[in-house]
Amino acid sequence: MASVPCLMWANKADLLDAHEMPEHLSPIYFPSLLLKKLGVEMPGHIQCLSQGMADCPVVHRRFVWRNDGELLDFKSQAESDWFLRGLRLIQYDVLFGERYCTRTAGAYGSVN
């Protein structure tokens, strides 16, 4: 697995806290991190990503790296893992569905 260093910049010193972020992180989590820190209400799909970051900090199209260091094959785990199954549903909804997941949870109920 390749690793690329990343720098996240904020003009407010207390906006980004390195202690709250995992050592390794997929770019798919950047929007949820920033919106959460800014206090902006997140759409449902971003909330789902935020919930999954604790368990699966690295998500690749072929594998998932869990926070305990376990490396899983994405394809074989996609149906049994709640987070990965949710990612597939979100992808389908955004590409082919009615985009329900892009609406805020407050207006349409819980995202769970």
Protein backbone atom coordinates (compact mmCIF):
# COMPACT_ATOMS: atom_id res chain seq x y z
CA MET A 1 0.00 0.00 0.00
CA ALA A 2 1.35 3.42 -0.92
CA SER A 3 1.23 6.27 1.54
CA VAL A 4 1.26 9.95 0.60
CA PRO A 5 1.88 12.70 3.16
CA CYS A 6 -0.85 15.28 3.41
CA LEU A 7 -1.14 18.71 4.95
CA MET A 8 -4.45 20.19 6.07
CA TRP A 9 -4.29 23.92 6.74
CA ALA A 10 -6.63 26.06 8.80
CA ASN A 11 -6.34 29.77 9.55
CA LYS A 12 -7.88 29.18 12.98
CA ALA A 13 -5.35 27.44 15.20
CA ASP A 14 -7.94 25.39 17.07
CA LEU A 15 -9.92 24.27 14.01
CA LEU A 16 -7.85 21.17 13.20
CA ASP A 17 -6.52 19.03 16.01
CA ALA A 18 -4.06 16.34 14.96
CA HIS A 19 -4.96 14.24 18.00
CA GLU A 20 -8.50 13.76 16.67
CA MET A 21 -7.35 12.36 13.31
CA PRO A 22 -6.04 8.85 12.68
CA GLU A 23 -2.42 8.49 11.61
CA HIS A 24 -3.57 7.08 8.26
CA LEU A 25 -6.66 8.48 6.60
CA SER A 26 -8.39 8.23 3.23
CA PRO A 27 -9.23 11.49 1.44
CA ILE A 28 -12.92 10.52 1.45
CA TYR A 29 -13.04 11.63 5.08
CA PHE A 30 -11.78 15.20 4.53
CA PRO A 31 -15.24 16.72 3.94
CA SER A 32 -16.68 15.18 7.10
CA LEU A 33 -13.71 16.32 9.20
CA LEU A 34 -13.93 19.88 7.95
CA LEU A 35 -17.71 20.21 8.14
CA LYS A 36 -17.74 18.80 11.65
CA LYS A 37 -15.05 21.22 12.82
CA LEU A 38 -16.84 24.16 11.18
CA GLY A 39 -20.12 23.20 12.82
CA VAL A 40 -21.93 22.89 9.49
CA GLU A 41 -24.86 20.49 9.25
CA MET A 42 -23.74 17.49 7.23
CA PRO A 43 -25.75 15.72 4.54
CA GLY A 44 -26.57 12.08 5.28
CA HIS A 45 -23.82 10.57 3.17
CA ILE A 46 -21.17 12.70 4.87
CA GLN A 47 -22.54 11.71 8.29
CA CYS A 48 -22.24 8.05 7.30
CA LEU A 49 -18.62 8.59 6.30
CA SER A 50 -17.92 10.32 9.58
CA GLN A 51 -19.31 7.34 11.52
CA GLY A 52 -17.22 4.85 9.56
CA MET A 53 -13.93 6.68 9.95
CA ALA A 54 -13.39 5.30 13.46
CA ASP A 55 -13.56 1.68 12.26
CA CYS A 56 -12.12 1.98 8.75
CA PRO A 57 -9.72 4.93 8.45
CA VAL A 58 -8.42 3.75 5.07
CA VAL A 59 -10.85 2.75 2.33
CA HIS A 60 -9.62 1.77 -1.12
CA ARG A 61 -11.60 0.23 -3.96
CA ARG A 62 -9.77 -3.06 -3.39
CA PHE A 63 -9.17 -3.15 0.35
CA VAL A 64 -10.08 -1.65 3.71
CA TRP A 65 -7.60 -1.02 6.47
CA ARG A 66 -9.25 -1.23 9.89
CA ASN A 67 -8.15 0.81 12.89
CA ASP A 68 -6.75 -2.36 14.51
CA GLY A 69 -4.37 -2.83 11.53
CA GLU A 70 -6.38 -5.61 9.87
CA LEU A 71 -6.35 -5.44 6.07
CA LEU A 72 -9.58 -6.71 4.45
CA ASP A 73 -10.51 -7.41 0.86
CA PHE A 74 -13.21 -4.90 -0.05
CA LYS A 75 -15.12 -7.20 -2.37
CA SER A 76 -15.39 -10.11 0.06
CA GLN A 77 -16.35 -7.91 3.03
CA ALA A 78 -18.72 -5.52 1.25
CA GLU A 79 -21.90 -7.45 2.09
CA SER A 80 -21.12 -8.42 5.67
CA ASP A 81 -19.76 -5.11 7.00
CA TRP A 82 -22.37 -2.40 7.78
CA PHE A 83 -20.08 0.47 6.78
CA LEU A 84 -18.94 -1.03 3.47
CA ARG A 85 -22.51 -2.03 2.60
CA GLY A 86 -23.53 1.55 3.32
CA LEU A 87 -20.80 2.89 1.04
CA ARG A 88 -22.09 0.76 -1.81
CA LEU A 89 -25.66 1.98 -1.22
CA ILE A 90 -24.51 5.59 -1.11
CA GLN A 91 -22.59 5.17 -4.34
CA TYR A 92 -25.62 3.65 -6.05
CA ASP A 93 -27.93 6.38 -4.72
CA VAL A 94 -25.65 9.19 -5.90
CA LEU A 95 -24.98 7.68 -9.34
CA PHE A 96 -28.32 6.07 -10.24
CA GLY A 97 -30.86 6.76 -7.51
CA GLU A 98 -32.84 9.71 -6.23
CA ARG A 99 -29.91 11.13 -4.22
CA TYR A 100 -31.67 10.63 -0.92
CA CYS A 101 -28.32 10.38 0.86
CA THR A 102 -27.31 13.93 -0.08
CA ARG A 103 -30.16 15.43 1.96
CA THR A 104 -29.64 16.46 5.56
CA ALA A 105 -30.67 13.97 8.23
CA GLY A 106 -32.70 16.54 10.15
CA ALA A 107 -35.21 16.97 7.36
CA TYR A 108 -35.52 13.30 6.42
CA GLY A 109 -35.00 11.32 9.62
CA SER A 110 -32.03 9.37 10.87
CA VAL A 111 -29.25 8.26 8.54
CA ASN A 112 -28.74 5.00 10.41
